[in-house]
Amino acid sequence: MTTLHILNASPSQTTQLSSCLRVLSAGDGMVLCGEAVQALRAGSVAAQQLQGMGCEYRLYALEEDVLARAIDTQDMPVTLLDYPAFVALCVEYARVNSWT
């Protein structure tokens, strides 16, 4: 069963990202929203972790949150989502896990 993991906290403030990366299984997806999109900042430790995720996982981020924080995602393996696409994505996965 595939799981969509939703993260919303800054990687510099919590261990959500590192904890999530440890439990990802092939076919899982991860959505960064809110302050979690800070993980996409070029040169950050979190960005390096995400770039090493591998192709068996999918990385997404809410476009509105990325734009609000002026983060350049050009070199990141991320798909940007609007809210309707985010909702559609949630029903594609067997389970949805929101990290708090």
PDB file of N, CA and C in Angstrom:
ATOM      1  N   MET A   1       0.835  -1.185   0.000  1.00  0.00           N
ATOM      2  CA  MET A   1       0.000   0.000   0.000  1.00  0.00           C
ATOM      3  C   MET A   1       0.876   1.245   0.000  1.00  0.00           C
ATOM      4  N   THR A   2       0.586   2.137  -0.898  1.00  0.00           N
ATOM      5  CA  THR A   2       1.361   3.372  -0.951  1.00  0.00           C
ATOM      6  C   THR A   2       0.772   4.410  -0.002  1.00  0.00           C
ATOM      7  N   THR A   3       1.653   5.271   0.490  1.00  0.00           N
ATOM      8  CA  THR A   3       1.250   6.305   1.440  1.00  0.00           C
ATOM      9  C   THR A   3       1.696   7.663   0.933  1.00  0.00           C
ATOM     10  N   LEU A   4       0.828   8.645   1.075  1.00  0.00           N
ATOM     11  CA  LEU A   4       1.181  10.035   0.814  1.00  0.00           C
ATOM     12  C   LEU A   4       1.459  10.684   2.164  1.00  0.00           C
ATOM     13  N   HIS A   5       2.670  11.155   2.358  1.00  0.00           N
ATOM     14  CA  HIS A   5       3.089  11.789   3.604  1.00  0.00           C
ATOM     15  C   HIS A   5       3.007  13.302   3.426  1.00  0.00           C
ATOM     16  N   ILE A   6       2.310  13.976   4.338  1.00  0.00           N
ATOM     17  CA  ILE A   6       2.148  15.430   4.268  1.00  0.00           C
ATOM     18  C   ILE A   6       2.909  16.056   5.426  1.00  0.00           C
ATOM     19  N   LEU A   7       3.865  16.926   5.097  1.00  0.00           N
ATOM     20  CA  LEU A   7       4.683  17.601   6.103  1.00  0.00           C
ATOM     21  C   LEU A   7       4.395  19.091   6.054  1.00  0.00           C
ATOM     22  N   ASN A   8       4.310  19.720   7.230  1.00  0.00           N
ATOM     23  CA  ASN A   8       3.975  21.143   7.256  1.00  0.00           C
ATOM     24  C   ASN A   8       4.896  21.989   8.123  1.00  0.00           C
ATOM     25  N   ALA A   9       5.895  21.387   8.761  1.00  0.00           N
ATOM     26  CA  ALA A   9       6.764  22.140   9.672  1.00  0.00           C
ATOM     27  C   ALA A   9       8.150  22.329   9.066  1.00  0.00           C
ATOM     28  N   SER A  10       8.783  23.421   9.421  1.00  0.00           N
ATOM     29  CA  SER A  10      10.120  23.736   8.935  1.00  0.00           C
ATOM     30  C   SER A  10      11.111  22.652   9.358  1.00  0.00           C
ATOM     31  N   PRO A  11      11.965  22.217   8.448  1.00  0.00           N
ATOM     32  CA  PRO A  11      12.949  21.196   8.803  1.00  0.00           C
ATOM     33  C   PRO A  11      13.974  21.684   9.824  1.00  0.00           C
ATOM     34  N   SER A  12      14.087  22.982   9.997  1.00  0.00           N
ATOM     35  CA  SER A  12      15.021  23.506  11.003  1.00  0.00           C
ATOM     36  C   SER A  12      14.390  23.561  12.393  1.00  0.00           C
ATOM     37  N   GLN A  13      13.086  23.330  12.481  1.00  0.00           N
ATOM     38  CA  GLN A  13      12.377  23.401  13.757  1.00  0.00           C
ATOM     39  C   GLN A  13      11.916  22.047  14.288  1.00  0.00           C
ATOM     40  N   THR A  14      11.785  21.054  13.407  1.00  0.00           N
ATOM     41  CA  THR A  14      11.296  19.731  13.820  1.00  0.00           C
ATOM     42  C   THR A  14      12.093  18.636  13.109  1.00  0.00           C
ATOM     43  N   THR A  15      11.806  17.418  13.488  1.00  0.00           N
ATOM     44  CA  THR A  15      12.439  16.265  12.833  1.00  0.00           C
ATOM     45  C   THR A  15      11.479  15.572  11.864  1.00  0.00           C
ATOM     46  N   GLN A  16      10.392  16.254  11.477  1.00  0.00           N
ATOM     47  CA  GLN A  16       9.416  15.648  10.564  1.00  0.00           C
ATOM     48  C   GLN A  16      10.082  15.080   9.315  1.00  0.00           C
ATOM     49  N   LEU A  17      10.912  15.879   8.672  1.00  0.00           N
ATOM     50  CA  LEU A  17      11.502  15.463   7.402  1.00  0.00           C
ATOM     51  C   LEU A  17      12.395  14.239   7.574  1.00  0.00           C
ATOM     52  N   SER A  18      13.319  14.284   8.503  1.00  0.00           N
ATOM     53  CA  SER A  18      14.228  13.146   8.675  1.00  0.00           C
ATOM     54  C   SER A  18      13.467  11.894   9.118  1.00  0.00           C
ATOM     55  N   SER A  19      12.462  12.064   9.960  1.00  0.00           N
ATOM     56  CA  SER A  19      11.653  10.917  10.387  1.00  0.00           C
ATOM     57  C   SER A  19      10.878  10.329   9.216  1.00  0.00           C
ATOM     58  N   CYS A  20      10.309  11.186   8.402  1.00  0.00           N
ATOM     59  CA  CYS A  20       9.545  10.728   7.242  1.00  0.00           C
ATOM     60  C   CYS A  20      10.447  10.001   6.251  1.00  0.00           C
ATOM     61  N   LEU A  21      11.622  10.547   6.006  1.00  0.00           N
ATOM     62  CA  LEU A  21      12.541   9.917   5.060  1.00  0.00           C
ATOM     63  C   LEU A  21      12.923   8.506   5.495  1.00  0.00           C
ATOM     64  N   ARG A  22      12.960   8.264   6.792  1.00  0.00           N
ATOM     65  CA  ARG A  22      13.311   6.938   7.300  1.00  0.00           C
ATOM     66  C   ARG A  22      12.218   5.901   7.046  1.00  0.00           C
ATOM     67  N   VAL A  23      10.963   6.327   6.937  1.00  0.00           N
ATOM     68  CA  VAL A  23       9.867   5.362   6.793  1.00  0.00           C
ATOM     69  C   VAL A  23       9.287   5.285   5.382  1.00  0.00           C
ATOM     70  N   LEU A  24       9.790   6.088   4.457  1.00  0.00           N
ATOM     71  CA  LEU A  24       9.279   6.037   3.090  1.00  0.00           C
ATOM     72  C   LEU A  24       9.494   4.659   2.483  1.00  0.00           C
ATOM     73  N   SER A  25       8.489   4.204   1.769  1.00  0.00           N
ATOM     74  CA  SER A  25       8.569   2.941   1.037  1.00  0.00           C
ATOM     75  C   SER A  25       8.441   3.234  -0.451  1.00  0.00           C
ATOM     76  N   ALA A  26       8.878   2.303  -1.266  1.00  0.00           N
ATOM     77  CA  ALA A  26       8.767   2.467  -2.715  1.00  0.00           C
ATOM     78  C   ALA A  26       7.321   2.777  -3.091  1.00  0.00           C
ATOM     79  N   GLY A  27       7.141   3.777  -3.925  1.00  0.00           N
ATOM     80  CA  GLY A  27       5.812   4.181  -4.368  1.00  0.00           C
ATOM     81  C   GLY A  27       5.175   5.258  -3.526  1.00  0.00           C
ATOM     82  N   ASP A  28       5.757   5.561  -2.367  1.00  0.00           N
ATOM     83  CA  ASP A  28       5.212   6.608  -1.500  1.00  0.00           C
ATOM     84  C   ASP A  28       5.474   7.989  -2.091  1.00  0.00           C
ATOM     85  N   GLY A  29       4.702   8.953  -1.619  1.00  0.00           N
ATOM     86  CA  GLY A  29       4.890  10.340  -2.008  1.00  0.00           C
ATOM     87  C   GLY A  29       4.990  11.217  -0.776  1.00  0.00           C
ATOM     88  N   MET A  30       5.601  12.382  -0.950  1.00  0.00           N
ATOM     89  CA  MET A  30       5.736  13.341   0.144  1.00  0.00           C
ATOM     90  C   MET A  30       5.314  14.714  -0.368  1.00  0.00           C
ATOM     91  N   VAL A  31       4.406  15.361   0.378  1.00  0.00           N
ATOM     92  CA  VAL A  31       3.970  16.713   0.045  1.00  0.00           C
ATOM     93  C   VAL A  31       4.500  17.662   1.107  1.00  0.00           C
ATOM     94  N   LEU A  32       5.193  18.701   0.658  1.00  0.00           N
ATOM     95  CA  LEU A  32       5.659  19.752   1.552  1.00  0.00           C
ATOM     96  C   LEU A  32       4.700  20.925   1.437  1.00  0.00           C
ATOM     97  N   CYS A  33       4.208  21.395   2.575  1.00  0.00           N
ATOM     98  CA  CYS A  33       3.326  22.554   2.582  1.00  0.00           C
ATOM     99  C   CYS A  33       3.687  23.430   3.774  1.00  0.00           C
ATOM    100  N   GLY A  34       3.181  24.655   3.777  1.00  0.00           N
ATOM    101  CA  GLY A  34       3.504  25.567   4.865  1.00  0.00           C
ATOM    102  C   GLY A  34       5.005  25.757   4.977  1.00  0.00           C
ATOM    103  N   GLU A  35       5.503  25.787   6.196  1.00  0.00           N
ATOM    104  CA  GLU A  35       6.931  26.008   6.433  1.00  0.00           C
ATOM    105  C   GLU A  35       7.803  24.836   5.987  1.00  0.00           C
ATOM    106  N   ALA A  36       7.213  23.684   5.735  1.00  0.00           N
ATOM    107  CA  ALA A  36       8.000  22.531   5.276  1.00  0.00           C
ATOM    108  C   ALA A  36       8.657  22.787   3.924  1.00  0.00           C
ATOM    109  N   VAL A  37       8.111  23.718   3.131  1.00  0.00           N
ATOM    110  CA  VAL A  37       8.729  24.015   1.832  1.00  0.00           C
ATOM    111  C   VAL A  37      10.115  24.632   1.991  1.00  0.00           C
ATOM    112  N   GLN A  38      10.470  25.068   3.193  1.00  0.00           N
ATOM    113  CA  GLN A  38      11.824  25.585   3.436  1.00  0.00           C
ATOM    114  C   GLN A  38      12.866  24.509   3.130  1.00  0.00           C
ATOM    115  N   ALA A  39      12.469  23.261   3.168  1.00  0.00           N
ATOM    116  CA  ALA A  39      13.374  22.154   2.850  1.00  0.00           C
ATOM    117  C   ALA A  39      13.864  22.215   1.408  1.00  0.00           C
ATOM    118  N   LEU A  40      13.189  22.981   0.571  1.00  0.00           N
ATOM    119  CA  LEU A  40      13.559  23.086  -0.839  1.00  0.00           C
ATOM    120  C   LEU A  40      14.601  24.168  -1.104  1.00  0.00           C
ATOM    121  N   ARG A  41      14.991  24.920  -0.091  1.00  0.00           N
ATOM    122  CA  ARG A  41      15.978  25.994  -0.274  1.00  0.00           C
ATOM    123  C   ARG A  41      17.321  25.407  -0.694  1.00  0.00           C
ATOM    124  N   ALA A  42      17.836  25.917  -1.799  1.00  0.00           N
ATOM    125  CA  ALA A  42      19.113  25.435  -2.339  1.00  0.00           C
ATOM    126  C   ALA A  42      20.215  25.539  -1.291  1.00  0.00           C
ATOM    127  N   GLY A  43      21.021  24.499  -1.222  1.00  0.00           N
ATOM    128  CA  GLY A  43      22.164  24.497  -0.323  1.00  0.00           C
ATOM    129  C   GLY A  43      21.878  24.055   1.095  1.00  0.00           C
ATOM    130  N   SER A  44      20.614  23.899   1.439  1.00  0.00           N
ATOM    131  CA  SER A  44      20.286  23.491   2.807  1.00  0.00           C
ATOM    132  C   SER A  44      20.513  21.987   2.977  1.00  0.00           C
ATOM    133  N   VAL A  45      20.723  21.584   4.218  1.00  0.00           N
ATOM    134  CA  VAL A  45      20.882  20.155   4.522  1.00  0.00           C
ATOM    135  C   VAL A  45      19.628  19.398   4.092  1.00  0.00           C
ATOM    136  N   ALA A  46      18.464  19.990   4.353  1.00  0.00           N
ATOM    137  CA  ALA A  46      17.200  19.347   3.985  1.00  0.00           C
ATOM    138  C   ALA A  46      17.105  19.151   2.475  1.00  0.00           C
ATOM    139  N   ALA A  47      17.520  20.154   1.699  1.00  0.00           N
ATOM    140  CA  ALA A  47      17.478  20.036   0.238  1.00  0.00           C
ATOM    141  C   ALA A  47      18.387  18.911  -0.231  1.00  0.00           C
ATOM    142  N   GLN A  48      19.538  18.770   0.394  1.00  0.00           N
ATOM    143  CA  GLN A  48      20.449  17.681   0.040  1.00  0.00           C
ATOM    144  C   GLN A  48      19.815  16.327   0.349  1.00  0.00           C
ATOM    145  N   GLN A  49      19.108  16.239   1.478  1.00  0.00           N
ATOM    146  CA  GLN A  49      18.421  14.991   1.818  1.00  0.00           C
ATOM    147  C   GLN A  49      17.355  14.665   0.778  1.00  0.00           C
ATOM    148  N   LEU A  50      16.607  15.677   0.359  1.00  0.00           N
ATOM    149  CA  LEU A  50      15.537  15.460  -0.614  1.00  0.00           C
ATOM    150  C   LEU A  50      16.093  15.078  -1.978  1.00  0.00           C
ATOM    151  N   GLN A  51      17.205  15.679  -2.362  1.00  0.00           N
ATOM    152  CA  GLN A  51      17.800  15.344  -3.659  1.00  0.00           C
ATOM    153  C   GLN A  51      18.298  13.904  -3.680  1.00  0.00           C
ATOM    154  N   GLY A  52      18.587  13.340  -2.526  1.00  0.00           N
ATOM    155  CA  GLY A  52      19.049  11.964  -2.454  1.00  0.00           C
ATOM    156  C   GLY A  52      17.940  10.948  -2.224  1.00  0.00           C
ATOM    157  N   MET A  53      16.683  11.388  -2.329  1.00  0.00           N
ATOM    158  CA  MET A  53      15.548  10.499  -2.067  1.00  0.00           C
ATOM    159  C   MET A  53      15.488   9.306  -3.000  1.00  0.00           C
ATOM    160  N   GLY A  54      15.879   9.477  -4.226  1.00  0.00           N
ATOM    161  CA  GLY A  54      15.774   8.387  -5.187  1.00  0.00           C
ATOM    162  C   GLY A  54      14.487   8.466  -5.980  1.00  0.00           C
ATOM    163  N   CYS A  55      14.454   7.763  -7.078  1.00  0.00           N
ATOM    164  CA  CYS A  55      13.313   7.863  -7.995  1.00  0.00           C
ATOM    165  C   CYS A  55      12.135   6.980  -7.596  1.00  0.00           C
ATOM    166  N   GLU A  56      12.290   6.156  -6.552  1.00  0.00           N
ATOM    167  CA  GLU A  56      11.160   5.307  -6.154  1.00  0.00           C
ATOM    168  C   GLU A  56      10.140   6.055  -5.300  1.00  0.00           C
ATOM    169  N   TYR A  57      10.436   7.313  -4.977  1.00  0.00           N
ATOM    170  CA  TYR A  57       9.524   8.167  -4.215  1.00  0.00           C
ATOM    171  C   TYR A  57       9.190   9.396  -5.042  1.00  0.00           C
ATOM    172  N   ARG A  58       8.038  10.009  -4.739  1.00  0.00           N
ATOM    173  CA  ARG A  58       7.639  11.236  -5.435  1.00  0.00           C
ATOM    174  C   ARG A  58       7.609  12.385  -4.444  1.00  0.00           C
ATOM    175  N   LEU A  59       8.141  13.525  -4.850  1.00  0.00           N
ATOM    176  CA  LEU A  59       8.186  14.714  -4.010  1.00  0.00           C
ATOM    177  C   LEU A  59       7.298  15.789  -4.620  1.00  0.00           C
ATOM    178  N   TYR A  60       6.412  16.346  -3.793  1.00  0.00           N
ATOM    179  CA  TYR A  60       5.499  17.400  -4.209  1.00  0.00           C
ATOM    180  C   TYR A  60       5.588  18.557  -3.218  1.00  0.00           C
ATOM    181  N   ALA A  61       5.173  19.737  -3.673  1.00  0.00           N
ATOM    182  CA  ALA A  61       5.077  20.891  -2.778  1.00  0.00           C
ATOM    183  C   ALA A  61       3.932  21.771  -3.249  1.00  0.00           C
ATOM    184  N   LEU A  62       3.283  22.427  -2.297  1.00  0.00           N
ATOM    185  CA  LEU A  62       2.216  23.359  -2.664  1.00  0.00           C
ATOM    186  C   LEU A  62       2.849  24.611  -3.264  1.00  0.00           C
ATOM    187  N   GLU A  63       2.486  24.876  -4.502  1.00  0.00           N
ATOM    188  CA  GLU A  63       3.065  25.994  -5.244  1.00  0.00           C
ATOM    189  C   GLU A  63       2.856  27.325  -4.527  1.00  0.00           C
ATOM    190  N   GLU A  64       1.685  27.516  -3.959  1.00  0.00           N
ATOM    191  CA  GLU A  64       1.379  28.764  -3.256  1.00  0.00           C
ATOM    192  C   GLU A  64       2.378  29.020  -2.119  1.00  0.00           C
ATOM    193  N   ASP A  65       2.730  27.981  -1.390  1.00  0.00           N
ATOM    194  CA  ASP A  65       3.666  28.124  -0.275  1.00  0.00           C
ATOM    195  C   ASP A  65       5.093  28.365  -0.766  1.00  0.00           C
ATOM    196  N   VAL A  66       5.469  27.713  -1.854  1.00  0.00           N
ATOM    197  CA  VAL A  66       6.798  27.917  -2.439  1.00  0.00           C
ATOM    198  C   VAL A  66       6.931  29.356  -2.935  1.00  0.00           C
ATOM    199  N   LEU A  67       5.927  29.839  -3.645  1.00  0.00           N
ATOM    200  CA  LEU A  67       5.965  31.206  -4.172  1.00  0.00           C
ATOM    201  C   LEU A  67       5.947  32.244  -3.058  1.00  0.00           C
ATOM    202  N   ALA A  68       5.168  32.006  -2.020  1.00  0.00           N
ATOM    203  CA  ALA A  68       5.079  32.960  -0.904  1.00  0.00           C
ATOM    204  C   ALA A  68       6.417  33.131  -0.201  1.00  0.00           C
ATOM    205  N   ARG A  69       7.266  32.114  -0.286  1.00  0.00           N
ATOM    206  CA  ARG A  69       8.569  32.166   0.384  1.00  0.00           C
ATOM    207  C   ARG A  69       9.711  32.399  -0.601  1.00  0.00           C
ATOM    208  N   ALA A  70       9.361  32.686  -1.847  1.00  0.00           N
ATOM    209  CA  ALA A  70      10.340  32.998  -2.899  1.00  0.00           C
ATOM    210  C   ALA A  70      11.437  31.935  -2.992  1.00  0.00           C
ATOM    211  N   ILE A  71      11.028  30.681  -3.010  1.00  0.00           N
ATOM    212  CA  ILE A  71      11.983  29.575  -3.092  1.00  0.00           C
ATOM    213  C   ILE A  71      12.107  29.127  -4.546  1.00  0.00           C
ATOM    214  N   ASP A  72      13.340  29.044  -5.014  1.00  0.00           N
ATOM    215  CA  ASP A  72      13.621  28.578  -6.371  1.00  0.00           C
ATOM    216  C   ASP A  72      13.733  27.055  -6.345  1.00  0.00           C
ATOM    217  N   THR A  73      12.846  26.382  -7.048  1.00  0.00           N
ATOM    218  CA  THR A  73      12.831  24.913  -7.048  1.00  0.00           C
ATOM    219  C   THR A  73      13.404  24.319  -8.334  1.00  0.00           C
ATOM    220  N   GLN A  74      14.019  25.146  -9.140  1.00  0.00           N
ATOM    221  CA  GLN A  74      14.492  24.715 -10.457  1.00  0.00           C
ATOM    222  C   GLN A  74      15.383  23.478 -10.401  1.00  0.00           C
ATOM    223  N   ASP A  75      16.247  23.381  -9.416  1.00  0.00           N
ATOM    224  CA  ASP A  75      17.178  22.253  -9.338  1.00  0.00           C
ATOM    225  C   ASP A  75      16.703  21.135  -8.417  1.00  0.00           C
ATOM    226  N   MET A  76      15.460  21.195  -8.000  1.00  0.00           N
ATOM    227  CA  MET A  76      14.922  20.192  -7.081  1.00  0.00           C
ATOM    228  C   MET A  76      13.995  19.229  -7.828  1.00  0.00           C
ATOM    229  N   PRO A  77      13.985  17.961  -7.431  1.00  0.00           N
ATOM    230  CA  PRO A  77      13.109  16.972  -8.072  1.00  0.00           C
ATOM    231  C   PRO A  77      11.701  17.028  -7.487  1.00  0.00           C
ATOM    232  N   VAL A  78      11.028  18.163  -7.663  1.00  0.00           N
ATOM    233  CA  VAL A  78       9.736  18.389  -7.019  1.00  0.00           C
ATOM    234  C   VAL A  78       8.686  18.764  -8.056  1.00  0.00           C
ATOM    235  N   THR A  79       7.473  18.298  -7.825  1.00  0.00           N
ATOM    236  CA  THR A  79       6.321  18.684  -8.635  1.00  0.00           C
ATOM    237  C   THR A  79       5.496  19.658  -7.813  1.00  0.00           C
ATOM    238  N   LEU A  80       5.241  20.842  -8.372  1.00  0.00           N
ATOM    239  CA  LEU A  80       4.451  21.845  -7.664  1.00  0.00           C
ATOM    240  C   LEU A  80       2.966  21.604  -7.914  1.00  0.00           C
ATOM    241  N   LEU A  81       2.175  21.760  -6.853  1.00  0.00           N
ATOM    242  CA  LEU A  81       0.738  21.489  -6.905  1.00  0.00           C
ATOM    243  C   LEU A  81      -0.067  22.717  -6.527  1.00  0.00           C
ATOM    244  N   ASP A  82      -1.213  22.894  -7.190  1.00  0.00           N
ATOM    245  CA  ASP A  82      -2.197  23.841  -6.673  1.00  0.00           C
ATOM    246  C   ASP A  82      -3.147  23.032  -5.777  1.00  0.00           C
ATOM    247  N   TYR A  83      -4.104  23.707  -5.150  1.00  0.00           N
ATOM    248  CA  TYR A  83      -4.968  22.988  -4.204  1.00  0.00           C
ATOM    249  C   TYR A  83      -5.824  21.898  -4.851  1.00  0.00           C
ATOM    250  N   PRO A  84      -6.432  22.131  -6.021  1.00  0.00           N
ATOM    251  CA  PRO A  84      -7.195  21.039  -6.638  1.00  0.00           C
ATOM    252  C   PRO A  84      -6.318  19.818  -6.958  1.00  0.00           C
ATOM    253  N   ALA A  85      -5.093  20.051  -7.405  1.00  0.00           N
ATOM    254  CA  ALA A  85      -4.185  18.936  -7.697  1.00  0.00           C
ATOM    255  C   ALA A  85      -3.792  18.210  -6.412  1.00  0.00           C
ATOM    256  N   PHE A  86      -3.650  18.949  -5.323  1.00  0.00           N
ATOM    257  CA  PHE A  86      -3.322  18.349  -4.024  1.00  0.00           C
ATOM    258  C   PHE A  86      -4.446  17.414  -3.576  1.00  0.00           C
ATOM    259  N   VAL A  87      -5.681  17.864  -3.704  1.00  0.00           N
ATOM    260  CA  VAL A  87      -6.831  17.036  -3.327  1.00  0.00           C
ATOM    261  C   VAL A  87      -6.888  15.784  -4.206  1.00  0.00           C
ATOM    262  N   ALA A  88      -6.694  15.960  -5.499  1.00  0.00           N
ATOM    263  CA  ALA A  88      -6.707  14.814  -6.415  1.00  0.00           C
ATOM    264  C   ALA A  88      -5.598  13.822  -6.070  1.00  0.00           C
ATOM    265  N   LEU A  89      -4.442  14.343  -5.685  1.00  0.00           N
ATOM    266  CA  LEU A  89      -3.320  13.481  -5.315  1.00  0.00           C
ATOM    267  C   LEU A  89      -3.643  12.641  -4.082  1.00  0.00           C
ATOM    268  N   CYS A  90      -4.336  13.230  -3.132  1.00  0.00           N
ATOM    269  CA  CYS A  90      -4.679  12.514  -1.895  1.00  0.00           C
ATOM    270  C   CYS A  90      -5.505  11.260  -2.162  1.00  0.00           C
ATOM    271  N   VAL A  91      -6.366  11.301  -3.155  1.00  0.00           N
ATOM    272  CA  VAL A  91      -7.196  10.125  -3.435  1.00  0.00           C
ATOM    273  C   VAL A  91      -6.467   9.089  -4.286  1.00  0.00           C
ATOM    274  N   GLU A  92      -5.317   9.436  -4.844  1.00  0.00           N
ATOM    275  CA  GLU A  92      -4.533   8.483  -5.625  1.00  0.00           C
ATOM    276  C   GLU A  92      -3.785   7.484  -4.746  1.00  0.00           C
ATOM    277  N   TYR A  93      -3.510   7.865  -3.514  1.00  0.00           N
ATOM    278  CA  TYR A  93      -2.738   7.012  -2.608  1.00  0.00           C
ATOM    279  C   TYR A  93      -3.674   6.209  -1.711  1.00  0.00           C
ATOM    280  N   ALA A  94      -3.234   5.018  -1.328  1.00  0.00           N
ATOM    281  CA  ALA A  94      -4.049   4.153  -0.471  1.00  0.00           C
ATOM    282  C   ALA A  94      -4.223   4.744   0.923  1.00  0.00           C
ATOM    283  N   ARG A  95      -3.173   5.425   1.409  1.00  0.00           N
ATOM    284  CA  ARG A  95      -3.217   6.043   2.742  1.00  0.00           C
ATOM    285  C   ARG A  95      -2.629   7.441   2.667  1.00  0.00           C
ATOM    286  N   VAL A  96      -3.080   8.295   3.582  1.00  0.00           N
ATOM    287  CA  VAL A  96      -2.521   9.642   3.719  1.00  0.00           C
ATOM    288  C   VAL A  96      -2.114   9.814   5.171  1.00  0.00           C
ATOM    289  N   ASN A  97      -0.862  10.211   5.381  1.00  0.00           N
ATOM    290  CA  ASN A  97      -0.336  10.404   6.731  1.00  0.00           C
ATOM    291  C   ASN A  97       0.115  11.849   6.879  1.00  0.00           C
ATOM    292  N   SER A  98      -0.543  12.584   7.759  1.00  0.00           N
ATOM    293  CA  SER A  98      -0.171  13.970   8.018  1.00  0.00           C
ATOM    294  C   SER A  98       0.732  14.014   9.240  1.00  0.00           C
ATOM    295  N   TRP A  99       1.964  14.460   9.048  1.00  0.00           N
ATOM    296  CA  TRP A  99       2.948  14.536  10.129  1.00  0.00           C
ATOM    297  C   TRP A  99       2.706  15.795  10.941  1.00  0.00           C
ATOM    298  N   THR A 100       2.617  15.639  12.249  1.00  0.00           N
ATOM    299  CA  THR A 100       2.422  16.805  13.123  1.00  0.00           C
ATOM    300  C   THR A 100       3.451  16.824  14.226  1.00  0.00           C
TER     301      THR A 100
END
